[in-house]
PDB file of N, CA and C in Angstrom:
ATOM      1  N   MET A   1     -42.166 -56.716 -14.352  1.00  0.00           N
ATOM      2  CA  MET A   1     -41.486 -56.691 -15.625  1.00  0.00           C
ATOM      3  C   MET A   1     -41.861 -55.398 -16.356  1.00  0.00           C
ATOM      4  N   TYR A   2     -40.901 -54.878 -17.080  1.00  0.00           N
ATOM      5  CA  TYR A   2     -41.111 -53.695 -17.896  1.00  0.00           C
ATOM      6  C   TYR A   2     -40.564 -54.004 -19.293  1.00  0.00           C
ATOM      7  N   VAL A   3     -41.351 -53.736 -20.320  1.00  0.00           N
ATOM      8  CA  VAL A   3     -40.926 -53.998 -21.698  1.00  0.00           C
ATOM      9  C   VAL A   3     -40.806 -52.683 -22.443  1.00  0.00           C
ATOM     10  N   SER A   4     -39.678 -52.511 -23.126  1.00  0.00           N
ATOM     11  CA  SER A   4     -39.435 -51.318 -23.931  1.00  0.00           C
ATOM     12  C   SER A   4     -38.727 -51.748 -25.208  1.00  0.00           C
ATOM     13  N   GLU A   5     -39.388 -51.497 -26.339  1.00  0.00           N
ATOM     14  CA  GLU A   5     -38.859 -51.874 -27.652  1.00  0.00           C
ATOM     15  C   GLU A   5     -38.525 -53.364 -27.668  1.00  0.00           C
ATOM     16  N   ASN A   6     -37.270 -53.722 -27.816  1.00  0.00           N
ATOM     17  CA  ASN A   6     -36.873 -55.132 -27.920  1.00  0.00           C
ATOM     18  C   ASN A   6     -36.271 -55.684 -26.641  1.00  0.00           C
ATOM     19  N   LYS A   7     -36.495 -54.988 -25.515  1.00  0.00           N
ATOM     20  CA  LYS A   7     -35.902 -55.429 -24.251  1.00  0.00           C
ATOM     21  C   LYS A   7     -36.972 -55.621 -23.192  1.00  0.00           C
ATOM     22  N   ALA A   8     -36.767 -56.639 -22.387  1.00  0.00           N
ATOM     23  CA  ALA A   8     -37.602 -56.866 -21.206  1.00  0.00           C
ATOM     24  C   ALA A   8     -36.702 -56.712 -19.987  1.00  0.00           C
ATOM     25  N   TYR A   9     -37.186 -55.974 -19.012  1.00  0.00           N
ATOM     26  CA  TYR A   9     -36.465 -55.742 -17.765  1.00  0.00           C
ATOM     27  C   TYR A   9     -37.241 -56.479 -16.677  1.00  0.00           C
ATOM     28  N   LEU A  10     -36.623 -57.483 -16.089  1.00  0.00           N
ATOM     29  CA  LEU A  10     -37.290 -58.315 -15.097  1.00  0.00           C
ATOM     30  C   LEU A  10     -36.781 -58.000 -13.700  1.00  0.00           C
ATOM     31  N   ALA A  11     -37.680 -57.658 -12.805  1.00  0.00           N
ATOM     32  CA  ALA A  11     -37.344 -57.505 -11.390  1.00  0.00           C
ATOM     33  C   ALA A  11     -37.554 -58.886 -10.785  1.00  0.00           C
ATOM     34  N   ASP A  12     -36.476 -59.624 -10.653  1.00  0.00           N
ATOM     35  CA  ASP A  12     -36.557 -61.038 -10.282  1.00  0.00           C
ATOM     36  C   ASP A  12     -36.025 -61.268  -8.871  1.00  0.00           C
ATOM     37  N   TRP A  13     -36.634 -60.625  -7.929  1.00  0.00           N
ATOM     38  CA  TRP A  13     -36.321 -60.667  -6.509  1.00  0.00           C
ATOM     39  C   TRP A  13     -34.869 -61.033  -6.232  1.00  0.00           C
ATOM     40  N   GLY A  14     -34.565 -62.201  -5.743  1.00  0.00           N
ATOM     41  CA  GLY A  14     -33.205 -62.559  -5.347  1.00  0.00           C
ATOM     42  C   GLY A  14     -32.212 -62.658  -6.485  1.00  0.00           C
ATOM     43  N   ALA A  15     -32.700 -62.744  -7.725  1.00  0.00           N
ATOM     44  CA  ALA A  15     -31.793 -62.824  -8.876  1.00  0.00           C
ATOM     45  C   ALA A  15     -31.393 -61.437  -9.373  1.00  0.00           C
ATOM     46  N   GLY A  16     -32.082 -60.385  -8.928  1.00  0.00           N
ATOM     47  CA  GLY A  16     -31.752 -59.017  -9.321  1.00  0.00           C
ATOM     48  C   GLY A  16     -32.547 -58.522 -10.499  1.00  0.00           C
ATOM     49  N   LEU A  17     -32.013 -57.509 -11.161  1.00  0.00           N
ATOM     50  CA  LEU A  17     -32.615 -56.915 -12.359  1.00  0.00           C
ATOM     51  C   LEU A  17     -31.989 -57.588 -13.569  1.00  0.00           C
ATOM     52  N   ILE A  18     -32.817 -58.273 -14.351  1.00  0.00           N
ATOM     53  CA  ILE A  18     -32.344 -59.015 -15.517  1.00  0.00           C
ATOM     54  C   ILE A  18     -32.852 -58.323 -16.775  1.00  0.00           C
ATOM     55  N   VAL A  19     -31.948 -58.098 -17.731  1.00  0.00           N
ATOM     56  CA  VAL A  19     -32.320 -57.483 -19.002  1.00  0.00           C
ATOM     57  C   VAL A  19     -32.211 -58.551 -20.091  1.00  0.00           C
ATOM     58  N   LEU A  20     -33.315 -58.695 -20.848  1.00  0.00           N
ATOM     59  CA  LEU A  20     -33.367 -59.696 -21.912  1.00  0.00           C
ATOM     60  C   LEU A  20     -33.616 -59.029 -23.259  1.00  0.00           C
ATOM     61  N   ASP A  21     -32.991 -59.563 -24.295  1.00  0.00           N
ATOM     62  CA  ASP A  21     -33.311 -59.199 -25.668  1.00  0.00           C
ATOM     63  C   ASP A  21     -34.466 -60.105 -26.077  1.00  0.00           C
ATOM     64  N   ILE A  22     -35.600 -59.509 -26.442  1.00  0.00           N
ATOM     65  CA  ILE A  22     -36.789 -60.303 -26.762  1.00  0.00           C
ATOM     66  C   ILE A  22     -37.197 -60.157 -28.227  1.00  0.00           C
ATOM     67  N   ARG A  23     -36.243 -59.831 -29.094  1.00  0.00           N
ATOM     68  CA  ARG A  23     -36.579 -59.742 -30.521  1.00  0.00           C
ATOM     69  C   ARG A  23     -37.119 -61.069 -31.045  1.00  0.00           C
ATOM     70  N   ASN A  24     -36.628 -62.164 -30.503  1.00  0.00           N
ATOM     71  CA  ASN A  24     -37.169 -63.488 -30.819  1.00  0.00           C
ATOM     72  C   ASN A  24     -37.833 -63.998 -29.548  1.00  0.00           C
ATOM     73  N   PRO A  25     -39.132 -63.752 -29.364  1.00  0.00           N
ATOM     74  CA  PRO A  25     -39.805 -64.081 -28.103  1.00  0.00           C
ATOM     75  C   PRO A  25     -39.724 -65.552 -27.702  1.00  0.00           C
ATOM     76  N   SER A  26     -39.578 -66.431 -28.666  1.00  0.00           N
ATOM     77  CA  SER A  26     -39.486 -67.853 -28.319  1.00  0.00           C
ATOM     78  C   SER A  26     -38.098 -68.241 -27.827  1.00  0.00           C
ATOM     79  N   SER A  27     -37.139 -67.323 -27.963  1.00  0.00           N
ATOM     80  CA  SER A  27     -35.774 -67.605 -27.517  1.00  0.00           C
ATOM     81  C   SER A  27     -35.104 -66.320 -27.017  1.00  0.00           C
ATOM     82  N   PRO A  28     -35.557 -65.787 -25.860  1.00  0.00           N
ATOM     83  CA  PRO A  28     -34.945 -64.550 -25.341  1.00  0.00           C
ATOM     84  C   PRO A  28     -33.470 -64.758 -24.988  1.00  0.00           C
ATOM     85  N   VAL A  29     -32.712 -63.684 -25.105  1.00  0.00           N
ATOM     86  CA  VAL A  29     -31.273 -63.729 -24.817  1.00  0.00           C
ATOM     87  C   VAL A  29     -30.980 -62.794 -23.651  1.00  0.00           C
ATOM     88  N   GLU A  30     -30.301 -63.315 -22.639  1.00  0.00           N
ATOM     89  CA  GLU A  30     -29.915 -62.493 -21.489  1.00  0.00           C
ATOM     90  C   GLU A  30     -28.799 -61.536 -21.885  1.00  0.00           C
ATOM     91  N   LEU A  31     -29.037 -60.244 -21.645  1.00  0.00           N
ATOM     92  CA  LEU A  31     -28.042 -59.215 -21.964  1.00  0.00           C
ATOM     93  C   LEU A  31     -27.240 -58.788 -20.748  1.00  0.00           C
ATOM     94  N   GLY A  32     -27.819 -58.943 -19.565  1.00  0.00           N
ATOM     95  CA  GLY A  32     -27.113 -58.546 -18.356  1.00  0.00           C
ATOM     96  C   GLY A  32     -27.965 -58.731 -17.116  1.00  0.00           C
ATOM     97  N   VAL A  33     -27.274 -58.784 -15.974  1.00  0.00           N
ATOM     98  CA  VAL A  33     -27.928 -58.915 -14.666  1.00  0.00           C
ATOM     99  C   VAL A  33     -27.297 -57.892 -13.732  1.00  0.00           C
ATOM    100  N   PHE A  34     -28.158 -57.146 -13.027  1.00  0.00           N
ATOM    101  CA  PHE A  34     -27.684 -56.153 -12.062  1.00  0.00           C
ATOM    102  C   PHE A  34     -28.024 -56.620 -10.653  1.00  0.00           C
ATOM    103  N   THR A  35     -27.005 -56.753  -9.817  1.00  0.00           N
ATOM    104  CA  THR A  35     -27.196 -57.166  -8.414  1.00  0.00           C
ATOM    105  C   THR A  35     -26.397 -56.285  -7.461  1.00  0.00           C
ATOM    106  N   ASP A  36     -25.919 -55.134  -7.933  1.00  0.00           N
ATOM    107  CA  ASP A  36     -24.949 -54.339  -7.184  1.00  0.00           C
ATOM    108  C   ASP A  36     -25.518 -53.231  -6.311  1.00  0.00           C
ATOM    109  N   GLY A  37     -26.821 -53.170  -6.111  1.00  0.00           N
ATOM    110  CA  GLY A  37     -27.365 -52.146  -5.230  1.00  0.00           C
ATOM    111  C   GLY A  37     -26.934 -52.377  -3.794  1.00  0.00           C
ATOM    112  N   SER A  38     -26.989 -51.337  -2.971  1.00  0.00           N
ATOM    113  CA  SER A  38     -26.509 -51.444  -1.588  1.00  0.00           C
ATOM    114  C   SER A  38     -27.333 -52.414  -0.748  1.00  0.00           C
ATOM    115  N   ASP A  39     -28.584 -52.676  -1.165  1.00  0.00           N
ATOM    116  CA  ASP A  39     -29.422 -53.624  -0.425  1.00  0.00           C
ATOM    117  C   ASP A  39     -29.488 -54.981  -1.100  1.00  0.00           C
ATOM    118  N   GLY A  40     -28.539 -55.280  -1.963  1.00  0.00           N
ATOM    119  CA  GLY A  40     -28.487 -56.580  -2.609  1.00  0.00           C
ATOM    120  C   GLY A  40     -29.388 -56.675  -3.824  1.00  0.00           C
ATOM    121  N   PRO A  41     -29.591 -57.898  -4.300  1.00  0.00           N
ATOM    122  CA  PRO A  41     -30.290 -58.102  -5.573  1.00  0.00           C
ATOM    123  C   PRO A  41     -31.810 -58.203  -5.460  1.00  0.00           C
ATOM    124  N   ASN A  42     -32.403 -57.723  -4.405  1.00  0.00           N
ATOM    125  CA  ASN A  42     -33.824 -57.962  -4.137  1.00  0.00           C
ATOM    126  C   ASN A  42     -34.749 -57.029  -4.901  1.00  0.00           C
ATOM    127  N   ALA A  43     -34.794 -57.185  -6.213  1.00  0.00           N
ATOM    128  CA  ALA A  43     -35.607 -56.332  -7.087  1.00  0.00           C
ATOM    129  C   ALA A  43     -37.064 -56.788  -7.056  1.00  0.00           C
ATOM    130  N   TYR A  44     -37.939 -55.919  -6.585  1.00  0.00           N
ATOM    131  CA  TYR A  44     -39.371 -56.220  -6.534  1.00  0.00           C
ATOM    132  C   TYR A  44     -40.119 -55.658  -7.732  1.00  0.00           C
ATOM    133  N   ASP A  45     -39.682 -54.505  -8.240  1.00  0.00           N
ATOM    134  CA  ASP A  45     -40.376 -53.862  -9.349  1.00  0.00           C
ATOM    135  C   ASP A  45     -39.370 -52.989 -10.092  1.00  0.00           C
ATOM    136  N   VAL A  46     -39.667 -52.724 -11.365  1.00  0.00           N
ATOM    137  CA  VAL A  46     -38.780 -51.881 -12.165  1.00  0.00           C
ATOM    138  C   VAL A  46     -39.606 -51.120 -13.188  1.00  0.00           C
ATOM    139  N   VAL A  47     -39.167 -49.898 -13.455  1.00  0.00           N
ATOM    140  CA  VAL A  47     -39.706 -49.092 -14.549  1.00  0.00           C
ATOM    141  C   VAL A  47     -38.492 -48.453 -15.221  1.00  0.00           C
ATOM    142  N   VAL A  48     -38.573 -48.298 -16.547  1.00  0.00           N
ATOM    143  CA  VAL A  48     -37.429 -47.805 -17.307  1.00  0.00           C
ATOM    144  C   VAL A  48     -37.836 -46.562 -18.085  1.00  0.00           C
ATOM    145  N   ASP A  49     -36.938 -45.572 -18.089  1.00  0.00           N
ATOM    146  CA  ASP A  49     -37.119 -44.353 -18.861  1.00  0.00           C
ATOM    147  C   ASP A  49     -35.820 -44.124 -19.629  1.00  0.00           C
ATOM    148  N   GLY A  50     -35.835 -44.408 -20.931  1.00  0.00           N
ATOM    149  CA  GLY A  50     -34.618 -44.276 -21.732  1.00  0.00           C
ATOM    150  C   GLY A  50     -33.572 -45.276 -21.291  1.00  0.00           C
ATOM    151  N   ASN A  51     -32.412 -44.779 -20.868  1.00  0.00           N
ATOM    152  CA  ASN A  51     -31.313 -45.631 -20.419  1.00  0.00           C
ATOM    153  C   ASN A  51     -31.225 -45.716 -18.894  1.00  0.00           C
ATOM    154  N   THR A  52     -32.313 -45.361 -18.216  1.00  0.00           N
ATOM    155  CA  THR A  52     -32.324 -45.347 -16.764  1.00  0.00           C
ATOM    156  C   THR A  52     -33.434 -46.249 -16.243  1.00  0.00           C
ATOM    157  N   ALA A  53     -33.060 -47.149 -15.345  1.00  0.00           N
ATOM    158  CA  ALA A  53     -34.034 -48.030 -14.694  1.00  0.00           C
ATOM    159  C   ALA A  53     -34.186 -47.597 -13.247  1.00  0.00           C
ATOM    160  N   TYR A  54     -35.418 -47.674 -12.763  1.00  0.00           N
ATOM    161  CA  TYR A  54     -35.744 -47.342 -11.377  1.00  0.00           C
ATOM    162  C   TYR A  54     -36.224 -48.633 -10.731  1.00  0.00           C
ATOM    163  N   GLU A  55     -35.424 -49.147  -9.803  1.00  0.00           N
ATOM    164  CA  GLU A  55     -35.677 -50.459  -9.206  1.00  0.00           C
ATOM    165  C   GLU A  55     -36.130 -50.306  -7.758  1.00  0.00           C
ATOM    166  N   ALA A  56     -37.300 -50.873  -7.455  1.00  0.00           N
ATOM    167  CA  ALA A  56     -37.769 -50.917  -6.069  1.00  0.00           C
ATOM    168  C   ALA A  56     -37.179 -52.160  -5.431  1.00  0.00           C
ATOM    169  N   ASN A  57     -36.385 -51.951  -4.385  1.00  0.00           N
ATOM    170  CA  ASN A  57     -35.734 -53.058  -3.698  1.00  0.00           C
ATOM    171  C   ASN A  57     -36.508 -53.358  -2.428  1.00  0.00           C
ATOM    172  N   GLY A  58     -36.918 -54.564  -2.268  1.00  0.00           N
ATOM    173  CA  GLY A  58     -37.737 -54.962  -1.130  1.00  0.00           C
ATOM    174  C   GLY A  58     -37.111 -54.732   0.223  1.00  0.00           C
ATOM    175  N   TRP A  59     -35.798 -54.535   0.284  1.00  0.00           N
ATOM    176  CA  TRP A  59     -35.154 -54.265   1.568  1.00  0.00           C
ATOM    177  C   TRP A  59     -35.124 -52.782   1.876  1.00  0.00           C
ATOM    178  N   GLY A  60     -35.735 -51.965   1.015  1.00  0.00           N
ATOM    179  CA  GLY A  60     -35.911 -50.565   1.393  1.00  0.00           C
ATOM    180  C   GLY A  60     -35.228 -49.538   0.548  1.00  0.00           C
ATOM    181  N   CYS A  61     -34.805 -49.879  -0.626  1.00  0.00           N
ATOM    182  CA  CYS A  61     -34.000 -48.967  -1.417  1.00  0.00           C
ATOM    183  C   CYS A  61     -34.644 -48.706  -2.774  1.00  0.00           C
ATOM    184  N   LEU A  62     -34.584 -47.470  -3.237  1.00  0.00           N
ATOM    185  CA  LEU A  62     -34.871 -47.156  -4.629  1.00  0.00           C
ATOM    186  C   LEU A  62     -33.514 -46.997  -5.295  1.00  0.00           C
ATOM    187  N   THR A  63     -33.194 -47.897  -6.204  1.00  0.00           N
ATOM    188  CA  THR A  63     -31.916 -47.867  -6.890  1.00  0.00           C
ATOM    189  C   THR A  63     -32.137 -47.384  -8.316  1.00  0.00           C
ATOM    190  N   VAL A  64     -31.429 -46.342  -8.704  1.00  0.00           N
ATOM    191  CA  VAL A  64     -31.509 -45.793 -10.050  1.00  0.00           C
ATOM    192  C   VAL A  64     -30.273 -46.299 -10.797  1.00  0.00           C
ATOM    193  N   VAL A  65     -30.518 -46.999 -11.917  1.00  0.00           N
ATOM    194  CA  VAL A  65     -29.466 -47.758 -12.587  1.00  0.00           C
ATOM    195  C   VAL A  65     -29.297 -47.302 -14.034  1.00  0.00           C
ATOM    196  N   ASN A  66     -28.049 -47.120 -14.451  1.00  0.00           N
ATOM    197  CA  ASN A  66     -27.741 -46.858 -15.848  1.00  0.00           C
ATOM    198  C   ASN A  66     -27.785 -48.199 -16.578  1.00  0.00           C
ATOM    199  N   VAL A  67     -28.751 -48.350 -17.513  1.00  0.00           N
ATOM    200  CA  VAL A  67     -28.914 -49.607 -18.241  1.00  0.00           C
ATOM    201  C   VAL A  67     -28.541 -49.458 -19.723  1.00  0.00           C
ATOM    202  N   GLN A  68     -27.812 -48.407 -20.059  1.00  0.00           N
ATOM    203  CA  GLN A  68     -27.436 -48.174 -21.453  1.00  0.00           C
ATOM    204  C   GLN A  68     -26.700 -49.384 -22.024  1.00  0.00           C
ATOM    205  N   ASN A  69     -25.781 -49.948 -21.249  1.00  0.00           N
ATOM    206  CA  ASN A  69     -25.068 -51.164 -21.646  1.00  0.00           C
ATOM    207  C   ASN A  69     -25.448 -52.246 -20.638  1.00  0.00           C
ATOM    208  N   PRO A  70     -26.426 -53.105 -20.967  1.00  0.00           N
ATOM    209  CA  PRO A  70     -26.906 -54.094 -19.998  1.00  0.00           C
ATOM    210  C   PRO A  70     -25.831 -55.049 -19.479  1.00  0.00           C
ATOM    211  N   ALA A  71     -24.755 -55.238 -20.229  1.00  0.00           N
ATOM    212  CA  ALA A  71     -23.686 -56.119 -19.771  1.00  0.00           C
ATOM    213  C   ALA A  71     -22.850 -55.468 -18.673  1.00  0.00           C
ATOM    214  N   SER A  72     -23.001 -54.148 -18.493  1.00  0.00           N
ATOM    215  CA  SER A  72     -22.204 -53.414 -17.514  1.00  0.00           C
ATOM    216  C   SER A  72     -23.049 -52.310 -16.870  1.00  0.00           C
ATOM    217  N   MET A  73     -24.137 -52.695 -16.199  1.00  0.00           N
ATOM    218  CA  MET A  73     -25.024 -51.718 -15.562  1.00  0.00           C
ATOM    219  C   MET A  73     -24.368 -51.152 -14.306  1.00  0.00           C
ATOM    220  N   SER A  74     -24.729 -49.908 -13.960  1.00  0.00           N
ATOM    221  CA  SER A  74     -24.117 -49.277 -12.794  1.00  0.00           C
ATOM    222  C   SER A  74     -25.134 -48.398 -12.068  1.00  0.00           C
ATOM    223  N   VAL A  75     -24.889 -48.197 -10.768  1.00  0.00           N
ATOM    224  CA  VAL A  75     -25.748 -47.355  -9.939  1.00  0.00           C
ATOM    225  C   VAL A  75     -25.515 -45.891 -10.285  1.00  0.00           C
ATOM    226  N   ILE A  76     -26.611 -45.161 -10.519  1.00  0.00           N
ATOM    227  CA  ILE A  76     -26.536 -43.708 -10.686  1.00  0.00           C
ATOM    228  C   ILE A  76     -26.678 -43.062  -9.316  1.00  0.00           C
ATOM    229  N   PHE A  77     -27.716 -43.451  -8.570  1.00  0.00           N
ATOM    230  CA  PHE A  77     -27.875 -43.052  -7.174  1.00  0.00           C
ATOM    231  C   PHE A  77     -28.904 -43.953  -6.514  1.00  0.00           C
ATOM    232  N   GLU A  78     -28.937 -43.879  -5.188  1.00  0.00           N
ATOM    233  CA  GLU A  78     -29.887 -44.667  -4.406  1.00  0.00           C
ATOM    234  C   GLU A  78     -30.516 -43.798  -3.331  1.00  0.00           C
ATOM    235  N   VAL A  79     -31.735 -44.154  -2.979  1.00  0.00           N
ATOM    236  CA  VAL A  79     -32.424 -43.567  -1.837  1.00  0.00           C
ATOM    237  C   VAL A  79     -32.734 -44.737  -0.927  1.00  0.00           C
ATOM    238  N   ASN A  80     -32.234 -44.677   0.315  1.00  0.00           N
ATOM    239  CA  ASN A  80     -32.334 -45.827   1.197  1.00  0.00           C
ATOM    240  C   ASN A  80     -32.686 -45.408   2.626  1.00  0.00           C
ATOM    241  N   PRO A  81     -33.928 -44.939   2.847  1.00  0.00           N
ATOM    242  CA  PRO A  81     -34.311 -44.552   4.202  1.00  0.00           C
ATOM    243  C   PRO A  81     -34.445 -45.772   5.112  1.00  0.00           C
ATOM    244  N   SER A  82     -34.179 -45.588   6.381  1.00  0.00           N
ATOM    245  CA  SER A  82     -34.276 -46.704   7.319  1.00  0.00           C
ATOM    246  C   SER A  82     -35.730 -47.141   7.488  1.00  0.00           C
ATOM    247  N   SER A  83     -35.932 -48.396   7.791  1.00  0.00           N
ATOM    248  CA  SER A  83     -37.244 -49.010   8.042  1.00  0.00           C
ATOM    249  C   SER A  83     -38.165 -48.995   6.828  1.00  0.00           C
ATOM    250  N   SER A  84     -37.600 -48.902   5.641  1.00  0.00           N
ATOM    251  CA  SER A  84     -38.404 -48.900   4.424  1.00  0.00           C
ATOM    252  C   SER A  84     -38.368 -50.263   3.758  1.00  0.00           C
ATOM    253  N   SER A  85     -39.364 -50.523   2.942  1.00  0.00           N
ATOM    254  CA  SER A  85     -39.418 -51.736   2.133  1.00  0.00           C
ATOM    255  C   SER A  85     -40.195 -51.403   0.871  1.00  0.00           C
ATOM    256  N   TYR A  86     -39.477 -51.035  -0.182  1.00  0.00           N
ATOM    257  CA  TYR A  86     -40.123 -50.593  -1.414  1.00  0.00           C
ATOM    258  C   TYR A  86     -40.507 -51.798  -2.272  1.00  0.00           C
ATOM    259  N   HIS A  87     -41.800 -51.879  -2.605  1.00  0.00           N
ATOM    260  CA  HIS A  87     -42.287 -53.031  -3.360  1.00  0.00           C
ATOM    261  C   HIS A  87     -42.755 -52.692  -4.764  1.00  0.00           C
ATOM    262  N   SER A  88     -43.034 -51.441  -5.044  1.00  0.00           N
ATOM    263  CA  SER A  88     -43.407 -51.064  -6.411  1.00  0.00           C
ATOM    264  C   SER A  88     -42.975 -49.635  -6.676  1.00  0.00           C
ATOM    265  N   VAL A  89     -42.793 -49.335  -7.968  1.00  0.00           N
ATOM    266  CA  VAL A  89     -42.341 -48.002  -8.361  1.00  0.00           C
ATOM    267  C   VAL A  89     -43.028 -47.608  -9.666  1.00  0.00           C
ATOM    268  N   LYS A  90     -43.420 -46.350  -9.743  1.00  0.00           N
ATOM    269  CA  LYS A  90     -43.988 -45.753 -10.946  1.00  0.00           C
ATOM    270  C   LYS A  90     -43.350 -44.382 -11.129  1.00  0.00           C
ATOM    271  N   LEU A  91     -43.208 -43.944 -12.373  1.00  0.00           N
ATOM    272  CA  LEU A  91     -42.670 -42.621 -12.666  1.00  0.00           C
ATOM    273  C   LEU A  91     -43.787 -41.683 -13.060  1.00  0.00           C
ATOM    274  N   TYR A  92     -43.730 -40.462 -12.536  1.00  0.00           N
ATOM    275  CA  TYR A  92     -44.647 -39.391 -12.891  1.00  0.00           C
ATOM    276  C   TYR A  92     -43.825 -38.125 -13.046  1.00  0.00           C
ATOM    277  N   GLY A  93     -43.499 -37.791 -14.297  1.00  0.00           N
ATOM    278  CA  GLY A  93     -42.679 -36.612 -14.541  1.00  0.00           C
ATOM    279  C   GLY A  93     -41.306 -36.765 -13.911  1.00  0.00           C
ATOM    280  N   ASN A  94     -40.955 -35.841 -13.025  1.00  0.00           N
ATOM    281  CA  ASN A  94     -39.645 -35.850 -12.366  1.00  0.00           C
ATOM    282  C   ASN A  94     -39.617 -36.666 -11.077  1.00  0.00           C
ATOM    283  N   TYR A  95     -40.667 -37.417 -10.812  1.00  0.00           N
ATOM    284  CA  TYR A  95     -40.793 -38.097  -9.523  1.00  0.00           C
ATOM    285  C   TYR A  95     -40.996 -39.601  -9.678  1.00  0.00           C
ATOM    286  N   ALA A  96     -40.438 -40.343  -8.732  1.00  0.00           N
ATOM    287  CA  ALA A  96     -40.729 -41.767  -8.590  1.00  0.00           C
ATOM    288  C   ALA A  96     -41.664 -41.896  -7.394  1.00  0.00           C
ATOM    289  N   VAL A  97     -42.732 -42.620  -7.585  1.00  0.00           N
ATOM    290  CA  VAL A  97     -43.677 -42.891  -6.506  1.00  0.00           C
ATOM    291  C   VAL A  97     -43.502 -44.354  -6.139  1.00  0.00           C
ATOM    292  N   VAL A  98     -43.172 -44.608  -4.869  1.00  0.00           N
ATOM    293  CA  VAL A  98     -42.916 -45.977  -4.433  1.00  0.00           C
ATOM    294  C   VAL A  98     -43.867 -46.363  -3.308  1.00  0.00           C
ATOM    295  N   ALA A  99     -44.304 -47.608  -3.354  1.00  0.00           N
ATOM    296  CA  ALA A  99     -45.111 -48.153  -2.265  1.00  0.00           C
ATOM    297  C   ALA A  99     -44.146 -48.696  -1.228  1.00  0.00           C
ATOM    298  N   ASP A 100     -44.277 -48.204  -0.010  1.00  0.00           N
ATOM    299  CA  ASP A 100     -43.384 -48.574   1.089  1.00  0.00           C
ATOM    300  C   ASP A 100     -44.125 -49.509   2.027  1.00  0.00           C
ATOM    301  N   ASN A 101     -43.879 -50.794   1.863  1.00  0.00           N
ATOM    302  CA  ASN A 101     -44.534 -51.800   2.686  1.00  0.00           C
ATOM    303  C   ASN A 101     -44.017 -51.781   4.122  1.00  0.00           C
ATOM    304  N   GLY A 102     -42.778 -51.362   4.318  1.00  0.00           N
ATOM    305  CA  GLY A 102     -42.184 -51.335   5.655  1.00  0.00           C
ATOM    306  C   GLY A 102     -42.848 -50.329   6.575  1.00  0.00           C
ATOM    307  N   GLN A 103     -43.191 -49.157   6.020  1.00  0.00           N
ATOM    308  CA  GLN A 103     -43.808 -48.108   6.825  1.00  0.00           C
ATOM    309  C   GLN A 103     -45.274 -47.902   6.477  1.00  0.00           C
ATOM    310  N   GLN A 104     -45.818 -48.768   5.608  1.00  0.00           N
ATOM    311  CA  GLN A 104     -47.219 -48.694   5.217  1.00  0.00           C
ATOM    312  C   GLN A 104     -47.600 -47.304   4.710  1.00  0.00           C
ATOM    313  N   LYS A 105     -46.822 -46.816   3.742  1.00  0.00           N
ATOM    314  CA  LYS A 105     -47.098 -45.502   3.175  1.00  0.00           C
ATOM    315  C   LYS A 105     -46.587 -45.452   1.737  1.00  0.00           C
ATOM    316  N   MET A 106     -46.854 -44.360   1.086  1.00  0.00           N
ATOM    317  CA  MET A 106     -46.337 -44.089  -0.250  1.00  0.00           C
ATOM    318  C   MET A 106     -45.279 -42.995  -0.101  1.00  0.00           C
ATOM    319  N   SER A 107     -44.174 -43.162  -0.804  1.00  0.00           N
ATOM    320  CA  SER A 107     -43.121 -42.154  -0.802  1.00  0.00           C
ATOM    321  C   SER A 107     -43.000 -41.563  -2.198  1.00  0.00           C
ATOM    322  N   ILE A 108     -42.778 -40.255  -2.265  1.00  0.00           N
ATOM    323  CA  ILE A 108     -42.579 -39.564  -3.531  1.00  0.00           C
ATOM    324  C   ILE A 108     -41.162 -39.002  -3.512  1.00  0.00           C
ATOM    325  N   ILE A 109     -40.363 -39.408  -4.508  1.00  0.00           N
ATOM    326  CA  ILE A 109     -38.945 -39.071  -4.536  1.00  0.00           C
ATOM    327  C   ILE A 109     -38.623 -38.358  -5.839  1.00  0.00           C
ATOM    328  N   ARG A 110     -38.024 -37.157  -5.723  1.00  0.00           N
ATOM    329  CA  ARG A 110     -37.597 -36.425  -6.937  1.00  0.00           C
ATOM    330  C   ARG A 110     -36.392 -37.145  -7.510  1.00  0.00           C
ATOM    331  N   VAL A 111     -36.494 -37.583  -8.775  1.00  0.00           N
ATOM    332  CA  VAL A 111     -35.419 -38.348  -9.391  1.00  0.00           C
ATOM    333  C   VAL A 111     -34.780 -37.652 -10.597  1.00  0.00           C
ATOM    334  N   LYS A 112     -35.389 -36.569 -11.069  1.00  0.00           N
ATOM    335  CA  LYS A 112     -34.827 -35.860 -12.231  1.00  0.00           C
ATOM    336  C   LYS A 112     -34.732 -34.386 -11.933  1.00  0.00           C
TER     337      LYS A 112
END
């Protein structure tokens, strides 16, 4: 999960990337669900920078998503190397660092 201002971004494996309005924490409101990546809705981890979410997909894809309008999220680009399984993602400057469980390594991907 990633929290920014009044929104929570949940990487909810088979349910996809869920964006919630959490201004009232006792009653969060779903703003949108993203399941349109090429490897399906298998979101393992997410980090958000402004209106861009970086989703680690357990089937091997880093999906970069425009989350400006959570009701209508869209793919900006994807990185999907074969035999990969991305389980976590962190941003460092212009790079996304992902843990690749499929190949037992760390991958560094230029995203900006």
